[in-house]
Protein backbone atom coordinates (compact mmCIF):
# COMPACT_ATOMS: atom_id res chain seq x y z
CA MET A 1 65.13 90.83 -33.34
CA VAL A 2 67.77 88.27 -33.62
CA GLU A 3 69.77 87.52 -30.92
CA GLU A 4 73.96 88.78 -31.42
CA LEU A 5 76.64 86.14 -32.50
CA GLY A 6 78.77 87.07 -29.21
CA ASN A 7 75.20 86.96 -26.43
CA ILE A 8 75.29 83.67 -27.97
CA LEU A 9 78.35 82.51 -27.77
CA GLY A 10 78.61 83.54 -24.33
CA GLU A 11 74.63 82.71 -23.34
CA GLY A 12 75.63 79.69 -24.91
CA PHE A 13 78.79 78.39 -22.61
CA LYS A 14 76.32 79.14 -19.93
CA THR A 15 73.95 77.16 -20.65
CA TRP A 16 76.40 73.65 -21.16
CA ARG A 17 78.22 74.82 -18.59
CA GLN A 18 74.86 74.31 -16.42
CA ASN A 19 74.13 71.30 -18.01
CA LEU A 20 76.58 69.62 -18.40
CA VAL A 21 74.65 66.31 -19.11
CA ILE A 22 73.96 67.69 -22.26
CA CYS A 23 77.27 66.04 -23.49
CA LEU A 24 75.40 62.17 -22.77
CA PRO A 25 74.01 61.94 -26.39
CA PHE A 26 76.71 62.29 -28.20
CA VAL A 27 78.48 60.04 -25.93
CA PHE A 28 75.78 57.20 -25.91
CA SER A 29 75.96 57.91 -30.20
CA PHE A 30 79.68 57.31 -30.22
CA ILE A 31 79.37 54.23 -28.37
CA LEU A 32 76.86 52.46 -29.74
CA ASN A 33 77.69 52.94 -33.45
CA PHE A 34 81.10 51.65 -32.36
CA LEU A 35 79.96 48.54 -30.98
CA VAL A 36 77.69 47.91 -34.30
CA MET A 37 80.40 49.87 -36.60
CA VAL A 38 82.74 46.45 -34.71
CA SER A 39 79.75 43.61 -35.08
CA ILE A 40 78.35 44.07 -38.48
CA ILE A 41 82.62 43.78 -39.36
CA ILE A 42 82.79 40.72 -37.27
CA ALA A 43 80.25 38.96 -38.32
CA THR A 44 81.21 40.53 -42.75
CA ALA A 45 84.93 38.85 -41.65
CA LEU A 46 83.40 35.38 -40.18
CA ILE A 47 81.07 34.90 -43.38
CA VAL A 48 83.48 36.46 -46.18
CA VAL A 49 86.52 35.91 -45.67
CA ILE A 50 87.25 33.69 -42.39
CA PRO A 51 85.97 30.41 -43.99
CA SER A 52 89.01 31.10 -47.16
CA LEU A 53 91.52 31.43 -44.32
CA SER A 54 90.91 26.98 -42.93
CA TYR A 55 91.95 25.12 -45.81
CA SER A 56 95.77 25.16 -46.15
CA LEU A 57 97.72 27.97 -45.74
CA PRO A 58 98.86 29.27 -49.13
CA PRO A 59 101.59 31.63 -49.69
CA PRO A 60 100.98 34.88 -48.71
CA ASP A 61 100.81 36.59 -52.13
CA GLY A 62 97.97 33.10 -53.15
CA GLN A 63 96.51 33.92 -49.51
CA THR A 64 95.56 37.38 -50.49
CA THR A 65 93.97 36.74 -53.52
CA GLN A 66 92.18 33.96 -52.23
CA VAL A 67 90.55 36.17 -49.26
CA LEU A 68 89.71 38.95 -52.84
CA HIS A 69 88.17 36.25 -54.88
CA GLN A 70 86.23 35.34 -51.35
CA ILE A 71 85.26 38.40 -50.95
CA MET A 72 84.04 38.37 -54.97
CA GLN A 73 82.10 35.77 -54.42
CA HIS A 74 80.27 36.81 -51.69
CA ILE A 75 80.17 40.28 -53.15
CA GLN A 76 76.45 40.59 -51.97
CA PHE A 77 76.69 40.20 -48.49
CA VAL A 78 79.35 42.44 -48.13
CA ILE A 79 76.74 45.28 -49.91
CA ALA A 80 73.96 44.29 -48.12
CA ALA A 81 76.68 44.51 -45.19
CA VAL A 82 77.14 48.40 -46.29
CA VAL A 83 73.95 49.54 -46.97
CA ILE A 84 73.08 47.97 -43.20
CA ALA A 85 75.90 49.18 -41.02
CA ILE A 86 75.04 53.05 -42.65
CA ILE A 87 71.19 52.65 -42.00
CA VAL A 88 71.87 51.84 -38.78
CA ASP A 89 75.07 54.27 -38.11
CA LEU A 90 71.94 57.53 -38.96
CA LEU A 91 69.06 56.02 -37.47
CA ILE A 92 71.88 56.20 -34.58
CA ASN A 93 73.32 59.21 -34.81
CA ALA A 94 68.87 60.81 -35.38
CA PHE A 95 67.90 59.15 -32.26
CA PHE A 96 70.62 60.82 -30.31
CA ARG A 97 70.62 64.15 -32.15
CA ALA A 98 66.91 65.14 -31.80
CA GLY A 99 67.52 64.36 -28.29
CA ALA A 100 70.89 66.01 -27.57
CA ILE A 101 68.66 69.00 -29.80
CA GLY A 102 65.84 68.34 -27.23
CA MET A 103 68.00 68.74 -24.61
CA ALA A 104 69.38 72.01 -25.31
CA ARG A 105 66.00 73.49 -25.86
CA GLU A 106 65.31 72.66 -22.73
CA ALA A 107 68.08 73.98 -21.09
CA ILE A 108 68.10 77.15 -22.86
CA GLU A 109 63.92 78.22 -22.55
CA GLY A 110 63.94 76.55 -19.37
CA GLY A 111 67.49 76.52 -17.29
CA SER A 112 68.10 72.93 -17.28
CA THR A 113 66.75 69.15 -19.14
CA ARG A 114 67.14 66.08 -17.90
CA LEU A 115 68.61 62.06 -19.76
CA SER A 116 64.36 61.84 -20.29
CA ASP A 117 64.19 65.11 -22.74
CA MET A 118 66.90 63.26 -24.75
CA ILE A 119 64.79 60.08 -25.12
CA TRP A 120 61.46 62.03 -25.58
CA TYR A 121 62.33 63.76 -28.42
CA GLY A 122 64.45 61.13 -29.93
CA ARG A 123 61.74 58.80 -29.92
CA ARG A 124 59.62 61.29 -31.03
CA LYS A 125 61.41 63.14 -34.00
CA TYR A 126 64.50 60.48 -35.28
CA ILE A 127 62.50 59.22 -38.16
CA SER A 128 61.78 62.23 -39.88
CA LEU A 129 65.27 63.41 -39.07
CA PHE A 130 66.53 59.92 -40.67
CA PHE A 131 64.84 61.35 -43.64
CA ALA A 132 66.29 64.93 -43.45
CA ASP A 133 69.42 63.61 -43.03
CA ILE A 134 68.75 60.82 -46.61
CA LEU A 135 67.48 64.35 -48.20
CA VAL A 136 70.78 66.39 -47.45
CA GLY A 137 72.61 63.78 -48.29
CA LEU A 138 70.96 63.14 -52.21
CA ILE A 139 70.78 67.21 -52.49
CA ALA A 140 74.85 66.70 -51.95
CA SER A 141 75.57 63.84 -53.44
CA PRO A 142 75.71 65.84 -57.01
CA GLY A 143 79.54 66.46 -55.64
CA LEU A 144 80.74 63.42 -56.93
CA LEU A 145 80.21 64.60 -60.37
CA PHE A 146 82.21 67.01 -59.98
CA LEU A 147 85.36 63.58 -59.70
CA VAL A 148 84.00 62.07 -63.22
CA PRO A 149 86.28 63.40 -66.36
CA GLY A 150 89.10 63.17 -64.05
CA VAL A 151 88.95 59.75 -63.14
CA LEU A 152 87.56 59.28 -66.76
CA TYR A 153 90.98 60.19 -67.93
CA LEU A 154 93.04 59.25 -65.45
CA LEU A 155 91.61 55.01 -65.89
CA PRO A 156 93.68 54.87 -69.40
CA TYR A 157 97.17 56.12 -67.72
CA VAL A 158 96.79 53.75 -64.98
CA ARG A 159 96.42 50.64 -67.49
CA MET A 160 99.79 51.95 -69.18
CA HIS A 161 101.98 51.88 -66.42
CA ALA A 162 102.28 55.60 -66.92
CA SER A 163 105.02 57.58 -64.45
CA LEU A 164 103.58 60.48 -62.26
CA SER A 165 104.50 63.19 -65.04
CA GLU A 166 103.26 61.92 -68.31
CA MET A 167 99.81 61.50 -65.53
CA ALA A 168 100.48 64.83 -64.46
CA PRO A 169 98.05 66.53 -66.60
CA ALA A 170 95.04 63.84 -65.54
CA LEU A 171 96.39 64.28 -62.23
CA VAL A 172 95.99 68.03 -61.94
CA ILE A 173 92.22 67.93 -63.93
CA SER A 174 91.92 64.98 -60.63
CA GLY A 175 92.51 67.21 -58.46
CA LEU A 176 91.06 70.58 -59.53
CA GLY A 177 87.85 67.28 -59.80
CA PHE A 178 88.27 67.11 -56.15
CA MET A 179 88.36 70.52 -54.48
CA ALA A 180 85.42 71.70 -56.68
CA MET A 181 83.07 68.63 -55.19
CA VAL A 182 84.76 69.71 -51.27
CA ILE A 183 83.33 73.50 -51.65
CA TYR A 184 80.66 71.95 -53.28
CA LEU A 185 80.09 69.65 -49.87
CA LEU A 186 80.70 72.09 -47.94
CA ILE A 187 78.40 74.79 -50.02
CA VAL A 188 75.75 72.48 -49.05
CA SER A 189 76.09 71.19 -45.83
CA ILE A 190 76.38 74.80 -44.65
CA MET A 191 73.77 75.92 -45.61
CA LEU A 192 71.83 72.79 -44.51
CA ILE A 193 73.24 73.11 -41.27
CA LEU A 194 70.16 74.25 -39.69
CA THR A 195 67.58 70.96 -40.99
CA PRO A 196 68.09 68.99 -38.04
CA TYR A 197 66.84 72.18 -35.46
CA ALA A 198 64.38 72.93 -37.60
CA VAL A 199 63.68 69.41 -37.42
CA VAL A 200 62.83 68.72 -33.59
CA ILE A 201 62.19 73.11 -33.24
CA ASP A 202 59.70 73.73 -34.53
CA ASP A 203 58.46 69.35 -34.74
CA LEU A 204 58.50 70.02 -38.80
CA GLY A 205 58.94 66.47 -41.51
CA ALA A 206 61.63 66.06 -43.47
CA ILE A 207 60.53 68.31 -46.32
CA ALA A 208 59.32 70.94 -44.48
CA GLY A 209 62.79 70.93 -42.37
CA VAL A 210 64.69 70.76 -44.98
CA LYS A 211 63.53 74.01 -46.65
CA ARG A 212 62.49 75.62 -42.99
CA GLY A 213 66.57 75.47 -42.27
CA PHE A 214 67.61 76.29 -46.16
CA LYS A 215 65.29 79.46 -45.31
CA ALA A 216 67.16 80.01 -41.44
CA PHE A 217 70.52 80.46 -43.43
CA MET A 218 69.12 82.81 -45.75
CA SER A 219 67.34 84.88 -42.96
CA GLN A 220 70.78 84.65 -41.30
CA LYS A 221 73.35 83.81 -43.38
CA MET A 222 76.33 85.82 -42.37
CA ASP A 223 75.80 84.35 -38.42
CA VAL A 224 75.69 81.12 -39.49
CA PHE A 225 78.42 80.96 -41.65
CA LEU A 226 80.92 83.13 -38.66
CA LEU A 227 79.15 79.80 -36.22
CA TRP A 228 80.11 77.78 -38.44
CA LEU A 229 84.10 78.81 -39.02
CA ILE A 230 84.67 79.33 -35.21
CA ILE A 231 83.12 75.37 -34.08
CA ILE A 232 85.81 74.10 -37.10
CA ALA A 233 88.10 76.34 -35.91
CA LEU A 234 88.06 74.97 -32.38
CA SER A 235 87.40 71.36 -33.51
CA CYS A 236 91.01 72.29 -35.39
CA ILE A 237 92.68 73.94 -32.40
CA ILE A 238 91.80 71.02 -30.22
CA SER A 239 92.99 67.54 -32.97
CA PHE A 240 96.55 70.57 -33.49
CA GLY A 241 97.17 70.62 -29.85
CA MET A 242 96.39 66.75 -28.66
CA ALA A 243 98.69 66.26 -30.90
CA PHE A 244 101.53 66.90 -29.29
CA VAL A 245 100.10 64.39 -27.09
CA PRO A 246 102.26 61.44 -27.00
CA TYR A 247 100.54 57.95 -27.87
CA ILE A 248 96.84 59.10 -26.32
CA GLY A 249 96.43 62.31 -27.75
CA TRP A 250 94.16 61.59 -30.62
CA LEU A 251 92.10 59.63 -28.06
CA ILE A 252 92.55 63.07 -25.71
CA SER A 253 91.19 65.04 -28.95
CA MET A 254 88.07 62.72 -29.20
CA ILE A 255 87.39 62.26 -26.21
CA VAL A 256 87.03 66.60 -25.93
CA SER A 257 84.83 66.66 -29.47
CA VAL A 258 82.34 64.01 -28.44
CA ALA A 259 81.81 65.67 -24.11
CA VAL A 260 82.58 69.17 -25.28
CA LEU A 261 83.09 70.61 -28.23
CA GLN A 262 79.90 69.04 -30.30
CA PRO A 263 77.11 69.49 -27.05
CA LEU A 264 78.52 73.07 -26.71
CA ALA A 265 77.85 73.11 -30.35
CA ALA A 266 74.29 72.52 -30.29
CA VAL A 267 73.10 74.28 -27.16
CA TRP A 268 74.69 77.41 -30.30
CA TRP A 269 72.74 76.60 -32.77
CA CYS A 270 69.95 75.88 -31.07
CA ARG A 271 70.53 79.32 -29.50
CA LEU A 272 70.90 80.37 -32.61
CA TYR A 273 67.69 79.04 -33.95
CA ILE A 274 65.62 79.82 -31.70
CA GLY A 275 66.17 83.54 -32.01
CA MET A 276 66.09 83.75 -35.42
CA ASN A 277 62.30 82.99 -35.35
CA VAL A 278 62.00 81.37 -38.84
CA GLN A 279 58.20 81.62 -40.42
């Protein structure tokens, strides 16, 4: 019998409170991703943009044109840098997310967890989770097609420098397409939200993990949706509350999200999935 959602929240909170170390994978992932992204941006700027500024300085408009021209000349490098950044980000997230799920599992089943659990689960399952994330991304990518009609309808008006009133029908179509894309992406993300837990907890490959994750969702659709809604609501409350803190509210919100909400959510999802006993 599946555990009641109220009990999942209460016992999950207790497990998290007794194992605050579960926050470390999320903290490490955030810091490492930040450092890698900054390094890639700086390297790209040094190779692509800086050389265009090393000559005599033209007027501001000319300088901007020169920078854009330099970027276009090295567009292959820019694209390669973006692809590398995405792949590295996915790999880092996969390792630490697998580690966090493993730690949550150990804490739920054994009462406690250690940093060594993060390393063991991360090394064991990060490749499978990496490819599972790619599969989920591919499943979500058709949502971009909803933008196509609006973009095609809007382009002629943009080229003619039409006024906003003239562009109104095209903007409405674009807005509806954007809303449809967001709805599609939300549906896919909720339906496959248990995929990482299937991959790590049941020791599955990417394809099997996606299938098991979807099957788990179908078995307890309401509980999955309600838990997702609760976590989203908590995230919004944190962001909204910190918006009133001058200067550093955004920083506090980010710290609370990474160090508190994300590990707590991982424990909740893990406890929900373990209770499902999906085969």
